[in-house]
All heavy atoms as atom14 arrays in JSON, in Angstrom:
{
  "sequence": "LGSFFNKYITSFDHWISFVLLAVIGINMLKEGLSKDSEKTDS",
  "atom14_mask": [
    [1, 1, 1, 1, 1, 1, 1, 1, 0, 0, 0, 0, 0, 0],
    [1, 1, 1, 1, 0, 0, 0, 0, 0, 0, 0, 0, 0, 0],
    [1, 1, 1, 1, 1, 1, 0, 0, 0, 0, 0, 0, 0, 0],
    [1, 1, 1, 1, 1, 1, 1, 1, 1, 1, 1, 0, 0, 0],
    [1, 1, 1, 1, 1, 1, 1, 1, 1, 1, 1, 0, 0, 0],
    [1, 1, 1, 1, 1, 1, 1, 1, 0, 0, 0, 0, 0, 0],
    [1, 1, 1, 1, 1, 1, 1, 1, 1, 0, 0, 0, 0, 0],
    [1, 1, 1, 1, 1, 1, 1, 1, 1, 1, 1, 1, 0, 0],
    [1, 1, 1, 1, 1, 1, 1, 1, 0, 0, 0, 0, 0, 0],
    [1, 1, 1, 1, 1, 1, 1, 0, 0, 0, 0, 0, 0, 0],
    [1, 1, 1, 1, 1, 1, 0, 0, 0, 0, 0, 0, 0, 0],
    [1, 1, 1, 1, 1, 1, 1, 1, 1, 1, 1, 0, 0, 0],
    [1, 1, 1, 1, 1, 1, 1, 1, 0, 0, 0, 0, 0, 0],
    [1, 1, 1, 1, 1, 1, 1, 1, 1, 1, 0, 0, 0, 0],
    [1, 1, 1, 1, 1, 1, 1, 1, 1, 1, 1, 1, 1, 1],
    [1, 1, 1, 1, 1, 1, 1, 1, 0, 0, 0, 0, 0, 0],
    [1, 1, 1, 1, 1, 1, 0, 0, 0, 0, 0, 0, 0, 0],
    [1, 1, 1, 1, 1, 1, 1, 1, 1, 1, 1, 0, 0, 0],
    [1, 1, 1, 1, 1, 1, 1, 0, 0, 0, 0, 0, 0, 0],
    [1, 1, 1, 1, 1, 1, 1, 1, 0, 0, 0, 0, 0, 0],
    [1, 1, 1, 1, 1, 1, 1, 1, 0, 0, 0, 0, 0, 0],
    [1, 1, 1, 1, 1, 0, 0, 0, 0, 0, 0, 0, 0, 0],
    [1, 1, 1, 1, 1, 1, 1, 0, 0, 0, 0, 0, 0, 0],
    [1, 1, 1, 1, 1, 1, 1, 1, 0, 0, 0, 0, 0, 0],
    [1, 1, 1, 1, 0, 0, 0, 0, 0, 0, 0, 0, 0, 0],
    [1, 1, 1, 1, 1, 1, 1, 1, 0, 0, 0, 0, 0, 0],
    [1, 1, 1, 1, 1, 1, 1, 1, 0, 0, 0, 0, 0, 0],
    [1, 1, 1, 1, 1, 1, 1, 1, 0, 0, 0, 0, 0, 0],
    [1, 1, 1, 1, 1, 1, 1, 1, 0, 0, 0, 0, 0, 0],
    [1, 1, 1, 1, 1, 1, 1, 1, 1, 0, 0, 0, 0, 0],
    [1, 1, 1, 1, 1, 1, 1, 1, 1, 0, 0, 0, 0, 0],
    [1, 1, 1, 1, 0, 0, 0, 0, 0, 0, 0, 0, 0, 0],
    [1, 1, 1, 1, 1, 1, 1, 1, 0, 0, 0, 0, 0, 0],
    [1, 1, 1, 1, 1, 1, 0, 0, 0, 0, 0, 0, 0, 0],
    [1, 1, 1, 1, 1, 1, 1, 1, 1, 0, 0, 0, 0, 0],
    [1, 1, 1, 1, 1, 1, 1, 1, 0, 0, 0, 0, 0, 0],
    [1, 1, 1, 1, 1, 1, 0, 0, 0, 0, 0, 0, 0, 0],
    [1, 1, 1, 1, 1, 1, 1, 1, 1, 0, 0, 0, 0, 0],
    [1, 1, 1, 1, 1, 1, 1, 1, 1, 0, 0, 0, 0, 0],
    [1, 1, 1, 1, 1, 1, 1, 0, 0, 0, 0, 0, 0, 0],
    [1, 1, 1, 1, 1, 1, 1, 1, 0, 0, 0, 0, 0, 0],
    [1, 1, 1, 1, 1, 1, 0, 0, 0, 0, 0, 0, 0, 0]
  ],
  "atom14_positions": [
    [[-16.85, 24.05, -2.61], [-16.38, 25.28, -1.96], [-16.82, 26.51, -2.75], [-17.03, 27.58, -2.18], [-14.85, 25.26, -1.82], [-14.3, 24.2, -0.88], [-12.78, 24.23, -0.91], [-14.8, 24.4, 0.54], [0.0, 0.0, 0.0], [0.0, 0.0, 0.0], [0.0, 0.0, 0.0], [0.0, 0.0, 0.0], [0.0, 0.0, 0.0], [0.0, 0.0, 0.0]],
    [[-16.89, 26.33, -4.08], [-17.42, 27.36, -4.96], [-16.72, 28.69, -4.89], [-15.54, 28.78, -4.63], [0.0, 0.0, 0.0], [0.0, 0.0, 0.0], [0.0, 0.0, 0.0], [0.0, 0.0, 0.0], [0.0, 0.0, 0.0], [0.0, 0.0, 0.0], [0.0, 0.0, 0.0], [0.0, 0.0, 0.0], [0.0, 0.0, 0.0], [0.0, 0.0, 0.0]],
    [[-17.47, 29.69, -5.13], [-16.91, 31.03, -5.23], [-16.42, 31.59, -3.9], [-15.67, 32.56, -3.88], [-17.94, 31.98, -5.84], [-19.07, 32.07, -5.01], [0.0, 0.0, 0.0], [0.0, 0.0, 0.0], [0.0, 0.0, 0.0], [0.0, 0.0, 0.0], [0.0, 0.0, 0.0], [0.0, 0.0, 0.0], [0.0, 0.0, 0.0], [0.0, 0.0, 0.0]],
    [[-16.82, 30.97, -2.78], [-16.4, 31.46, -1.48], [-14.88, 31.5, -1.33], [-14.33, 32.47, -0.82], [-17.02, 30.62, -0.36], [-16.65, 31.09, 1.01], [-17.22, 32.24, 1.53], [-15.73, 30.4, 1.76], [-16.88, 32.69, 2.79], [-15.37, 30.84, 3.03], [-15.95, 31.98, 3.55], [0.0, 0.0, 0.0], [0.0, 0.0, 0.0], [0.0, 0.0, 0.0]],
    [[-14.21, 30.45, -1.81], [-12.76, 30.37, -1.69], [-12.03, 30.71, -2.99], [-10.81, 30.62, -3.06], [-12.31, 28.98, -1.23], [-12.53, 28.75, 0.23], [-13.49, 27.86, 0.65], [-11.79, 29.42, 1.18], [-13.7, 27.63, 2.0], [-11.98, 29.21, 2.53], [-12.95, 28.31, 2.94], [0.0, 0.0, 0.0], [0.0, 0.0, 0.0], [0.0, 0.0, 0.0]],
    [[-12.74, 31.11, -4.01], [-12.12, 31.33, -5.32], [-10.93, 32.29, -5.25], [-9.85, 31.98, -5.74], [-13.17, 31.86, -6.3], [-12.64, 31.95, -7.71], [-11.72, 31.23, -8.08], [-13.21, 32.83, -8.49], [0.0, 0.0, 0.0], [0.0, 0.0, 0.0], [0.0, 0.0, 0.0], [0.0, 0.0, 0.0], [0.0, 0.0, 0.0], [0.0, 0.0, 0.0]],
    [[-11.1, 33.42, -4.64], [-10.01, 34.4, -4.61], [-8.82, 33.93, -3.78], [-7.69, 34.28, -4.05], [-10.5, 35.74, -4.11], [-11.03, 35.74, -2.7], [-11.57, 37.1, -2.31], [-12.24, 37.02, -0.94], [-12.9, 38.23, -0.58], [0.0, 0.0, 0.0], [0.0, 0.0, 0.0], [0.0, 0.0, 0.0], [0.0, 0.0, 0.0], [0.0, 0.0, 0.0]],
    [[-9.06, 33.08, -2.78], [-7.95, 32.58, -1.96], [-7.16, 31.49, -2.66], [-5.94, 31.5, -2.64], [-8.49, 32.05, -0.62], [-9.24, 33.08, 0.17], [-10.6, 32.96, 0.38], [-8.58, 34.19, 0.68], [-11.3, 33.92, 1.11], [-9.27, 35.16, 1.41], [-10.62, 35.01, 1.61], [-11.3, 35.96, 2.32], [0.0, 0.0, 0.0], [0.0, 0.0, 0.0]],
    [[-7.84, 30.56, -3.28], [-7.17, 29.43, -3.92], [-6.39, 29.89, -5.15], [-5.25, 29.49, -5.35], [-8.18, 28.33, -4.27], [-8.7, 27.7, -2.98], [-7.55, 27.26, -5.15], [-9.86, 26.78, -3.17], [0.0, 0.0, 0.0], [0.0, 0.0, 0.0], [0.0, 0.0, 0.0], [0.0, 0.0, 0.0], [0.0, 0.0, 0.0], [0.0, 0.0, 0.0]],
    [[-7.0, 30.7, -5.98], [-6.3, 31.13, -7.19], [-5.12, 32.03, -6.88], [-4.23, 32.18, -7.7], [-7.25, 31.86, -8.17], [-7.85, 32.95, -7.5], [-8.3, 30.93, -8.71], [0.0, 0.0, 0.0], [0.0, 0.0, 0.0], [0.0, 0.0, 0.0], [0.0, 0.0, 0.0], [0.0, 0.0, 0.0], [0.0, 0.0, 0.0], [0.0, 0.0, 0.0]],
    [[-5.06, 32.58, -5.68], [-3.93, 33.44, -5.35], [-2.7, 32.65, -4.92], [-1.6, 33.2, -4.93], [-4.33, 34.44, -4.27], [-4.58, 33.78, -3.05], [0.0, 0.0, 0.0], [0.0, 0.0, 0.0], [0.0, 0.0, 0.0], [0.0, 0.0, 0.0], [0.0, 0.0, 0.0], [0.0, 0.0, 0.0], [0.0, 0.0, 0.0], [0.0, 0.0, 0.0]],
    [[-2.84, 31.37, -4.55], [-1.65, 30.63, -4.12], [-1.55, 29.2, -4.65], [-0.58, 28.51, -4.34], [-1.53, 30.63, -2.59], [-2.62, 29.88, -1.88], [-2.52, 28.51, -1.69], [-3.73, 30.54, -1.38], [-3.52, 27.81, -1.02], [-4.72, 29.85, -0.71], [-4.61, 28.48, -0.53], [0.0, 0.0, 0.0], [0.0, 0.0, 0.0], [0.0, 0.0, 0.0]],
    [[-2.49, 28.71, -5.45], [-2.41, 27.33, -5.93], [-1.15, 27.08, -6.74], [-0.54, 26.03, -6.66], [-3.66, 26.94, -6.72], [-3.8, 27.64, -8.05], [-3.2, 28.72, -8.23], [-4.51, 27.1, -8.91], [0.0, 0.0, 0.0], [0.0, 0.0, 0.0], [0.0, 0.0, 0.0], [0.0, 0.0, 0.0], [0.0, 0.0, 0.0], [0.0, 0.0, 0.0]],
    [[-0.73, 28.07, -7.5], [0.47, 27.93, -8.31], [1.73, 27.8, -7.45], [2.66, 27.1, -7.81], [0.59, 29.09, -9.29], [0.42, 30.44, -8.66], [-0.81, 30.94, -8.28], [1.34, 31.37, -8.31], [-0.65, 32.14, -7.74], [0.65, 32.42, -7.75], [0.0, 0.0, 0.0], [0.0, 0.0, 0.0], [0.0, 0.0, 0.0], [0.0, 0.0, 0.0]],
    [[1.77, 28.45, -6.31], [2.92, 28.33, -5.41], [2.99, 26.94, -4.79], [4.07, 26.35, -4.69], [2.85, 29.39, -4.31], [3.15, 30.77, -4.82], [2.26, 31.77, -5.06], [4.44, 31.29, -5.17], [2.91, 32.88, -5.55], [4.26, 32.61, -5.62], [5.72, 30.76, -5.15], [5.31, 33.41, -6.05], [6.77, 31.56, -5.58], [6.56, 32.87, -6.02]],
    [[1.85, 26.41, -4.39], [1.82, 25.06, -3.83], [2.28, 24.05, -4.87], [3.12, 23.19, -4.59], [0.41, 24.71, -3.31], [0.05, 25.6, -2.12], [0.32, 23.24, -2.91], [-1.39, 25.49, -1.67], [0.0, 0.0, 0.0], [0.0, 0.0, 0.0], [0.0, 0.0, 0.0], [0.0, 0.0, 0.0], [0.0, 0.0, 0.0], [0.0, 0.0, 0.0]],
    [[1.74, 24.14, -6.09], [2.15, 23.23, -7.16], [3.64, 23.33, -7.42], [4.34, 22.32, -7.54], [1.38, 23.55, -8.45], [0.02, 23.28, -8.29], [0.0, 0.0, 0.0], [0.0, 0.0, 0.0], [0.0, 0.0, 0.0], [0.0, 0.0, 0.0], [0.0, 0.0, 0.0], [0.0, 0.0, 0.0], [0.0, 0.0, 0.0], [0.0, 0.0, 0.0]],
    [[4.14, 24.56, -7.51], [5.56, 24.77, -7.79], [6.44, 24.15, -6.71], [7.38, 23.41, -7.0], [5.86, 26.27, -7.92], [7.33, 26.58, -8.01], [8.05, 26.26, -9.14], [7.98, 27.17, -6.94], [9.41, 26.53, -9.22], [9.34, 27.45, -7.01], [10.05, 27.13, -8.15], [0.0, 0.0, 0.0], [0.0, 0.0, 0.0], [0.0, 0.0, 0.0]],
    [[6.14, 24.42, -5.45], [6.97, 23.91, -4.35], [6.95, 22.38, -4.31], [8.0, 21.74, -4.21], [6.52, 24.52, -2.99], [7.17, 23.81, -1.83], [6.84, 26.01, -2.95], [0.0, 0.0, 0.0], [0.0, 0.0, 0.0], [0.0, 0.0, 0.0], [0.0, 0.0, 0.0], [0.0, 0.0, 0.0], [0.0, 0.0, 0.0], [0.0, 0.0, 0.0]],
    [[5.76, 21.78, -4.39], [5.68, 20.33, -4.32], [6.4, 19.67, -5.49], [7.17, 18.71, -5.3], [4.22, 19.87, -4.25], [3.48, 20.22, -2.96], [2.01, 19.85, -3.08], [4.11, 19.54, -1.76], [0.0, 0.0, 0.0], [0.0, 0.0, 0.0], [0.0, 0.0, 0.0], [0.0, 0.0, 0.0], [0.0, 0.0, 0.0], [0.0, 0.0, 0.0]],
    [[6.17, 20.15, -6.71], [6.84, 19.57, -7.87], [8.35, 19.82, -7.83], [9.14, 18.95, -8.21], [6.24, 20.1, -9.17], [4.82, 19.6, -9.47], [4.24, 20.34, -10.66], [4.8, 18.1, -9.7], [0.0, 0.0, 0.0], [0.0, 0.0, 0.0], [0.0, 0.0, 0.0], [0.0, 0.0, 0.0], [0.0, 0.0, 0.0], [0.0, 0.0, 0.0]],
    [[8.77, 20.98, -7.34], [10.2, 21.26, -7.24], [10.87, 20.33, -6.23], [11.97, 19.82, -6.49], [10.43, 22.72, -6.86], [0.0, 0.0, 0.0], [0.0, 0.0, 0.0], [0.0, 0.0, 0.0], [0.0, 0.0, 0.0], [0.0, 0.0, 0.0], [0.0, 0.0, 0.0], [0.0, 0.0, 0.0], [0.0, 0.0, 0.0], [0.0, 0.0, 0.0]],
    [[10.23, 20.09, -5.1], [10.8, 19.19, -4.09], [10.94, 17.77, -4.67], [11.99, 17.13, -4.52], [9.93, 19.19, -2.81], [10.29, 18.03, -1.88], [10.08, 20.51, -2.07], [0.0, 0.0, 0.0], [0.0, 0.0, 0.0], [0.0, 0.0, 0.0], [0.0, 0.0, 0.0], [0.0, 0.0, 0.0], [0.0, 0.0, 0.0], [0.0, 0.0, 0.0]],
    [[9.91, 17.29, -5.32], [9.97, 15.96, -5.93], [11.05, 15.94, -7.0], [11.85, 15.0, -7.08], [8.6, 15.56, -6.51], [7.57, 15.41, -5.39], [8.71, 14.25, -7.29], [6.14, 15.36, -5.87], [0.0, 0.0, 0.0], [0.0, 0.0, 0.0], [0.0, 0.0, 0.0], [0.0, 0.0, 0.0], [0.0, 0.0, 0.0], [0.0, 0.0, 0.0]],
    [[11.11, 16.97, -7.84], [12.11, 17.05, -8.9], [13.53, 17.1, -8.37], [14.43, 16.43, -8.88], [0.0, 0.0, 0.0], [0.0, 0.0, 0.0], [0.0, 0.0, 0.0], [0.0, 0.0, 0.0], [0.0, 0.0, 0.0], [0.0, 0.0, 0.0], [0.0, 0.0, 0.0], [0.0, 0.0, 0.0], [0.0, 0.0, 0.0], [0.0, 0.0, 0.0]],
    [[13.75, 17.88, -7.32], [15.09, 17.97, -6.72], [15.5, 16.62, -6.14], [16.65, 16.19, -6.3], [15.13, 19.09, -5.66], [15.06, 20.46, -6.35], [16.38, 18.99, -4.79], [14.81, 21.62, -5.42], [0.0, 0.0, 0.0], [0.0, 0.0, 0.0], [0.0, 0.0, 0.0], [0.0, 0.0, 0.0], [0.0, 0.0, 0.0], [0.0, 0.0, 0.0]],
    [[14.57, 15.93, -5.51], [14.88, 14.59, -5.0], [15.25, 13.64, -6.13], [16.17, 12.83, -5.99], [13.72, 14.03, -4.19], [13.6, 14.67, -2.83], [14.58, 15.18, -2.29], [12.41, 14.65, -2.27], [0.0, 0.0, 0.0], [0.0, 0.0, 0.0], [0.0, 0.0, 0.0], [0.0, 0.0, 0.0], [0.0, 0.0, 0.0], [0.0, 0.0, 0.0]],
    [[14.56, 13.73, -7.25], [14.9, 12.88, -8.4], [16.27, 13.25, -8.95], [17.04, 12.37, -9.34], [13.83, 12.99, -9.48], [12.56, 12.27, -9.14], [11.45, 12.17, -10.55], [12.29, 10.91, -11.49], [0.0, 0.0, 0.0], [0.0, 0.0, 0.0], [0.0, 0.0, 0.0], [0.0, 0.0, 0.0], [0.0, 0.0, 0.0], [0.0, 0.0, 0.0]],
    [[16.58, 14.54, -9.01], [17.91, 14.97, -9.47], [18.99, 14.4, -8.56], [20.02, 13.9, -9.04], [18.01, 16.49, -9.49], [17.35, 17.2, -10.67], [17.38, 18.71, -10.46], [18.04, 16.84, -11.97], [0.0, 0.0, 0.0], [0.0, 0.0, 0.0], [0.0, 0.0, 0.0], [0.0, 0.0, 0.0], [0.0, 0.0, 0.0], [0.0, 0.0, 0.0]],
    [[18.78, 14.46, -7.25], [19.76, 13.91, -6.3], [19.97, 12.43, -6.55], [21.09, 11.94, -6.53], [19.29, 14.15, -4.86], [19.43, 15.56, -4.38], [18.93, 15.67, -2.95], [18.94, 17.09, -2.46], [18.37, 17.21, -1.1], [0.0, 0.0, 0.0], [0.0, 0.0, 0.0], [0.0, 0.0, 0.0], [0.0, 0.0, 0.0], [0.0, 0.0, 0.0]],
    [[18.88, 11.7, -6.76], [18.97, 10.27, -7.01], [19.7, 9.98, -8.31], [20.5, 9.06, -8.4], [17.58, 9.64, -7.03], [16.92, 9.61, -5.68], [15.45, 9.25, -5.75], [14.98, 8.82, -6.82], [14.78, 9.38, -4.72], [0.0, 0.0, 0.0], [0.0, 0.0, 0.0], [0.0, 0.0, 0.0], [0.0, 0.0, 0.0], [0.0, 0.0, 0.0]],
    [[19.41, 10.76, -9.34], [20.05, 10.57, -10.63], [21.54, 10.88, -10.61], [22.33, 10.24, -11.32], [0.0, 0.0, 0.0], [0.0, 0.0, 0.0], [0.0, 0.0, 0.0], [0.0, 0.0, 0.0], [0.0, 0.0, 0.0], [0.0, 0.0, 0.0], [0.0, 0.0, 0.0], [0.0, 0.0, 0.0], [0.0, 0.0, 0.0], [0.0, 0.0, 0.0]],
    [[21.94, 11.84, -9.79], [23.34, 12.23, -9.7], [24.11, 11.42, -8.66], [25.34, 11.46, -8.63], [23.45, 13.73, -9.37], [22.92, 14.67, -10.45], [22.86, 16.09, -9.93], [23.76, 14.57, -11.71], [0.0, 0.0, 0.0], [0.0, 0.0, 0.0], [0.0, 0.0, 0.0], [0.0, 0.0, 0.0], [0.0, 0.0, 0.0], [0.0, 0.0, 0.0]],
    [[23.4, 10.69, -7.83], [24.02, 9.89, -6.78], [24.78, 8.72, -7.39], [24.36, 8.09, -8.36], [22.95, 9.37, -5.83], [23.51, 8.45, -4.92], [0.0, 0.0, 0.0], [0.0, 0.0, 0.0], [0.0, 0.0, 0.0], [0.0, 0.0, 0.0], [0.0, 0.0, 0.0], [0.0, 0.0, 0.0], [0.0, 0.0, 0.0], [0.0, 0.0, 0.0]],
    [[25.92, 8.4, -6.79], [26.72, 7.24, -7.22], [26.15, 5.95, -6.65], [26.51, 4.88, -7.07], [28.18, 7.41, -6.77], [28.85, 8.65, -7.31], [28.98, 8.59, -8.8], [29.67, 9.84, -9.3], [29.52, 10.05, -10.69], [0.0, 0.0, 0.0], [0.0, 0.0, 0.0], [0.0, 0.0, 0.0], [0.0, 0.0, 0.0], [0.0, 0.0, 0.0]],
    [[25.28, 6.05, -5.67], [24.67, 4.9, -5.04], [23.55, 4.36, -5.93], [22.47, 4.93, -5.99], [24.13, 5.28, -3.66], [23.64, 4.08, -2.86], [23.82, 2.94, -3.32], [23.06, 4.3, -1.78], [0.0, 0.0, 0.0], [0.0, 0.0, 0.0], [0.0, 0.0, 0.0], [0.0, 0.0, 0.0], [0.0, 0.0, 0.0], [0.0, 0.0, 0.0]],
    [[23.8, 3.27, -6.62], [22.83, 2.77, -7.6], [21.6, 2.13, -6.97], [20.6, 1.94, -7.62], [23.51, 1.75, -8.53], [23.96, 0.65, -7.78], [0.0, 0.0, 0.0], [0.0, 0.0, 0.0], [0.0, 0.0, 0.0], [0.0, 0.0, 0.0], [0.0, 0.0, 0.0], [0.0, 0.0, 0.0], [0.0, 0.0, 0.0], [0.0, 0.0, 0.0]],
    [[21.66, 1.77, -5.7], [20.52, 1.15, -5.05], [19.52, 2.16, -4.52], [18.43, 1.79, -4.11], [21.0, 0.26, -3.9], [21.77, -0.95, -4.38], [22.18, -1.83, -3.22], [21.39, -1.95, -2.27], [23.27, -2.38, -3.27], [0.0, 0.0, 0.0], [0.0, 0.0, 0.0], [0.0, 0.0, 0.0], [0.0, 0.0, 0.0], [0.0, 0.0, 0.0]],
    [[19.87, 3.41, -4.5], [19.02, 4.43, -3.92], [18.11, 5.04, -4.98], [18.48, 5.96, -5.68], [19.88, 5.52, -3.27], [19.13, 6.41, -2.34], [20.08, 7.36, -1.65], [19.34, 8.17, -0.62], [20.2, 9.19, -0.03], [0.0, 0.0, 0.0], [0.0, 0.0, 0.0], [0.0, 0.0, 0.0], [0.0, 0.0, 0.0], [0.0, 0.0, 0.0]],
    [[16.91, 4.48, -5.12], [15.93, 5.0, -6.07], [14.6, 5.22, -5.36], [14.33, 4.6, -4.34], [15.71, 4.04, -7.26], [15.23, 2.79, -6.75], [17.0, 3.82, -8.04], [0.0, 0.0, 0.0], [0.0, 0.0, 0.0], [0.0, 0.0, 0.0], [0.0, 0.0, 0.0], [0.0, 0.0, 0.0], [0.0, 0.0, 0.0], [0.0, 0.0, 0.0]],
    [[13.79, 6.08, -5.92], [12.5, 6.36, -5.32], [11.43, 5.51, -5.99], [10.63, 6.0, -6.77], [12.17, 7.85, -5.43], [10.88, 8.2, -4.7], [10.44, 7.41, -3.86], [10.33, 9.27, -4.99], [0.0, 0.0, 0.0], [0.0, 0.0, 0.0], [0.0, 0.0, 0.0], [0.0, 0.0, 0.0], [0.0, 0.0, 0.0], [0.0, 0.0, 0.0]],
    [[11.47, 4.23, -5.7], [10.47, 3.34, -6.28], [9.33, 3.1, -5.3], [8.51, 2.23, -5.5], [11.11, 2.01, -6.68], [11.69, 1.41, -5.55], [0.0, 0.0, 0.0], [0.0, 0.0, 0.0], [0.0, 0.0, 0.0], [0.0, 0.0, 0.0], [0.0, 0.0, 0.0], [0.0, 0.0, 0.0], [0.0, 0.0, 0.0], [0.0, 0.0, 0.0]]
  ]
}
């Protein structure tokens, strides 16, 4: 893709990473705090 998309990707890649990792992290927090021991994200 090269320099054609450089200004577009660098302007929002950090937001995509943050949202995806936060969603996964929040789901793990829910599982860790859940009393249901069988509910894991394996």
